[in-house]
Amino acid sequence: MQAITLTIPPNLNVFSDDELYAFCLANPELRIERDETGHIIIMSPTGLESSFTSGELFGEVRNWNRQTKAGRTSESNGGYTLPDRSMRAPDVGWISKERLMTVMPEELKKFAHVCPDFVIEVRSESDNVEELQLKMEKWISNGVRLGWMVDPKTQTTTIYRPQTTPETKAFSDTLSGEDVLVGFSLNIQDVLNY
């Protein structure tokens, strides 16, 4: 099942940030995001294979962060309110200490107004690749410094950076955290046993 987008009629006010948070709390069984126009996006749960992939990738980033203590790592339940007013939750997110210092601690209890430095989105069985590519571009335009779109179907990772054409690498290639996740490298083929 693909994501469902609920269109809010123009004569109604779009959910405020607090109302969106309350709506998500009232519907804990749903995975909810909001796009930049205020439309509510309801996504189906992923299959186990996608969950395994996301979990392994989260673990790799989390382990690197445990060693470096350079920031914080989030998984797919952590929502970020972005500069364009969308609220998105990447499969894996990482935010530097520097960006975290711009957020009040009480705001972290909800969908904080901050953009992660790094995201990973895993293409699940139900994802439309064009929509996922657009989502990656929106992550970058909102301030993500490095993003990976991992596609188990094609066994490729597309790397997104600001003001650069996306670059695609095979799972057998080693990926670098570049100047964002300094010292981090990952070979997805080795991690996922492809």
Protein backbone atom coordinates (compact mmCIF):
# COMPACT_ATOMS: atom_id res chain seq x y z
CA MET A 1 0.00 0.00 0.00
CA GLN A 2 1.34 3.43 -0.93
CA ALA A 3 1.14 6.49 1.30
CA ILE A 4 -2.17 8.33 1.51
CA THR A 5 -2.15 12.13 1.36
CA LEU A 6 -5.04 13.91 3.09
CA THR A 7 -5.77 17.24 1.46
CA ILE A 8 -6.84 19.97 3.85
CA PRO A 9 -9.46 22.24 2.19
CA PRO A 10 -8.13 25.78 1.66
CA ASN A 11 -10.89 27.34 3.80
CA LEU A 12 -9.73 25.36 6.85
CA ASN A 13 -6.67 26.24 8.84
CA VAL A 14 -3.74 23.86 8.51
CA PHE A 15 -2.80 22.02 11.70
CA SER A 16 -0.58 24.07 13.97
CA ASP A 17 2.55 22.29 15.16
CA ASP A 18 0.88 21.49 18.51
CA GLU A 19 -2.28 20.23 16.79
CA LEU A 20 -0.22 18.02 14.49
CA TYR A 21 1.60 16.59 17.50
CA ALA A 22 -1.73 15.94 19.27
CA PHE A 23 -3.12 14.31 16.10
CA CYS A 24 -0.09 11.98 15.94
CA LEU A 25 -0.46 11.10 19.64
CA ALA A 26 -4.14 10.31 19.10
CA ASN A 27 -3.24 7.95 16.21
CA PRO A 28 -0.14 6.07 17.44
CA GLU A 29 -0.72 3.19 15.04
CA LEU A 30 -0.17 5.49 12.04
CA ARG A 31 3.08 6.84 10.64
CA ILE A 32 2.25 10.46 9.89
CA GLU A 33 4.15 13.28 8.18
CA ARG A 34 3.13 16.74 6.92
CA ASP A 35 4.33 18.21 3.64
CA GLU A 36 5.21 21.85 3.10
CA THR A 37 1.68 22.70 1.92
CA GLY A 38 0.11 21.33 5.11
CA HIS A 39 -1.18 18.09 3.60
CA ILE A 40 -1.11 15.16 6.01
CA ILE A 41 0.66 12.04 4.71
CA ILE A 42 -0.23 8.67 6.22
CA MET A 43 2.18 5.89 5.42
CA SER A 44 1.67 2.19 5.82
CA PRO A 45 4.10 0.18 7.92
CA THR A 46 6.97 -1.25 5.93
CA GLY A 47 7.60 -4.91 5.37
CA LEU A 48 10.06 -6.64 7.65
CA GLU A 49 12.84 -6.61 5.06
CA SER A 50 12.72 -2.79 4.88
CA SER A 51 12.60 -2.62 8.67
CA PHE A 52 15.63 -4.90 8.94
CA THR A 53 17.52 -2.66 6.49
CA SER A 54 16.60 0.55 8.31
CA GLY A 55 17.45 -1.01 11.66
CA GLU A 56 20.90 -2.13 10.55
CA LEU A 57 21.68 1.27 9.03
CA PHE A 58 20.45 3.06 12.18
CA GLY A 59 22.70 0.79 14.25
CA GLU A 60 25.76 1.65 12.16
CA VAL A 61 25.19 5.42 12.48
CA ARG A 62 24.33 5.09 16.18
CA ASN A 63 27.51 3.09 16.85
CA TRP A 64 29.64 5.71 15.08
CA ASN A 65 27.93 8.44 17.10
CA ARG A 66 28.49 6.56 20.37
CA GLN A 67 32.21 6.64 19.67
CA THR A 68 32.41 10.25 18.48
CA LYS A 69 29.69 11.77 20.70
CA ALA A 70 29.29 14.32 17.89
CA GLY A 71 25.49 14.60 18.04
CA ARG A 72 22.34 12.49 18.32
CA THR A 73 20.80 9.78 16.13
CA SER A 74 17.08 9.34 15.43
CA GLU A 75 15.09 6.51 13.88
CA SER A 76 11.87 6.57 11.89
CA ASN A 77 9.66 7.71 14.78
CA GLY A 78 11.56 10.99 15.30
CA GLY A 79 9.85 13.91 13.57
CA TYR A 80 11.62 17.12 12.53
CA THR A 81 9.74 20.34 11.72
CA LEU A 82 11.66 21.80 8.79
CA PRO A 83 12.03 25.42 7.63
CA ASP A 84 9.38 24.90 4.90
CA ARG A 85 6.87 23.92 7.70
CA SER A 86 6.83 20.25 6.70
CA MET A 87 7.25 17.64 9.42
CA ARG A 88 9.25 14.66 8.28
CA ALA A 89 10.70 11.57 9.96
CA PRO A 90 13.66 9.98 8.14
CA ASP A 91 14.39 6.26 8.47
CA VAL A 92 17.70 7.33 10.01
CA GLY A 93 18.61 10.86 11.04
CA TRP A 94 21.66 12.40 12.66
CA ILE A 95 21.93 15.89 14.08
CA SER A 96 25.14 17.57 15.22
CA LYS A 97 25.67 19.03 18.67
CA GLU A 98 25.94 22.45 17.04
CA ARG A 99 22.45 22.23 15.57
CA LEU A 100 21.05 20.70 18.75
CA MET A 101 22.28 23.72 20.71
CA THR A 102 19.86 25.89 18.69
CA VAL A 103 16.86 23.96 20.07
CA MET A 104 15.30 24.45 23.49
CA PRO A 105 15.29 21.15 25.45
CA GLU A 106 11.47 21.19 25.87
CA GLU A 107 11.07 21.44 22.08
CA LEU A 108 12.84 18.08 21.69
CA LYS A 109 9.84 16.43 23.38
CA LYS A 110 7.79 17.19 20.23
CA PHE A 111 8.65 17.73 16.55
CA ALA A 112 11.50 20.20 17.07
CA HIS A 113 12.08 23.03 14.62
CA VAL A 114 15.45 21.84 13.40
CA CYS A 115 16.81 20.03 10.37
CA PRO A 116 19.06 16.98 10.73
CA ASP A 117 22.54 17.19 9.22
CA PHE A 118 22.32 13.67 7.73
CA VAL A 119 19.44 11.41 6.70
CA ILE A 120 18.93 7.95 5.26
CA GLU A 121 15.70 7.00 3.52
CA VAL A 122 15.24 3.33 2.64
CA ARG A 123 13.02 2.56 -0.33
CA SER A 124 10.40 0.14 0.93
CA GLU A 125 8.30 -2.23 -1.16
CA SER A 126 5.47 0.33 -1.35
CA ASP A 127 7.57 3.46 -2.05
CA ASN A 128 7.31 5.25 -5.38
CA VAL A 129 10.92 6.01 -6.37
CA GLU A 130 10.08 9.41 -7.91
CA GLU A 131 8.30 10.53 -4.73
CA LEU A 132 11.22 9.34 -2.61
CA GLN A 133 13.68 11.23 -4.84
CA LEU A 134 11.58 14.38 -4.40
CA LYS A 135 11.56 13.83 -0.64
CA MET A 136 15.36 13.58 -0.67
CA GLU A 137 15.59 16.84 -2.62
CA LYS A 138 13.34 18.50 -0.05
CA TRP A 139 15.54 17.25 2.77
CA ILE A 140 18.53 18.90 1.08
CA SER A 141 16.69 22.17 0.33
CA ASN A 142 15.69 22.39 4.01
CA GLY A 143 19.27 22.09 5.26
CA VAL A 144 20.35 18.44 5.29
CA ARG A 145 24.05 18.40 4.46
CA LEU A 146 24.26 14.76 3.30
CA GLY A 147 21.53 12.27 2.45
CA TRP A 148 21.47 8.68 1.29
CA MET A 149 18.53 7.05 -0.50
CA VAL A 150 19.08 3.31 -0.12
CA ASP A 151 17.26 1.13 -2.67
CA PRO A 152 17.43 -2.60 -1.86
CA LYS A 153 15.53 -3.38 -5.08
CA THR A 154 18.34 -2.04 -7.29
CA GLN A 155 21.05 -2.52 -4.62
CA THR A 156 22.14 1.09 -5.05
CA THR A 157 22.50 4.15 -2.83
CA THR A 158 21.92 7.61 -4.25
CA ILE A 159 23.91 10.28 -2.44
CA TYR A 160 22.39 13.76 -2.10
CA ARG A 161 24.39 16.88 -1.25
CA PRO A 162 23.54 20.59 -1.46
CA GLN A 163 24.05 22.19 -4.88
CA THR A 164 25.30 18.92 -6.40
CA THR A 165 23.78 16.41 -8.79
CA PRO A 166 22.87 13.17 -6.94
CA GLU A 167 25.44 10.41 -7.28
CA THR A 168 24.52 6.70 -7.36
CA LYS A 169 26.76 3.96 -6.00
CA ALA A 170 26.40 0.19 -5.87
CA PHE A 171 25.96 -1.56 -2.50
CA SER A 172 29.45 -3.01 -3.02
CA ASP A 173 30.97 0.50 -2.89
CA THR A 174 32.07 1.97 0.43
CA LEU A 175 30.20 5.13 1.34
CA SER A 176 31.76 8.01 3.26
CA GLY A 177 30.25 10.27 5.89
CA GLU A 178 32.34 13.00 4.24
CA ASP A 179 32.63 16.22 6.28
CA VAL A 180 29.26 15.56 7.96
CA LEU A 181 29.80 12.21 9.72
CA VAL A 182 33.57 12.65 10.01
CA GLY A 183 35.40 9.32 10.00
CA PHE A 184 32.26 7.30 9.20
CA SER A 185 32.32 4.82 6.32
CA LEU A 186 29.90 2.08 5.40
CA ASN A 187 29.75 -0.75 2.93
CA ILE A 188 26.05 -1.58 2.69
CA GLN A 189 26.70 -4.93 1.02
CA ASP A 190 28.75 -6.04 4.02
CA VAL A 191 26.25 -4.72 6.58
CA LEU A 192 23.16 -6.20 4.90
CA ASN A 193 24.83 -9.43 3.70
CA TYR A 194 23.85 -8.94 0.05
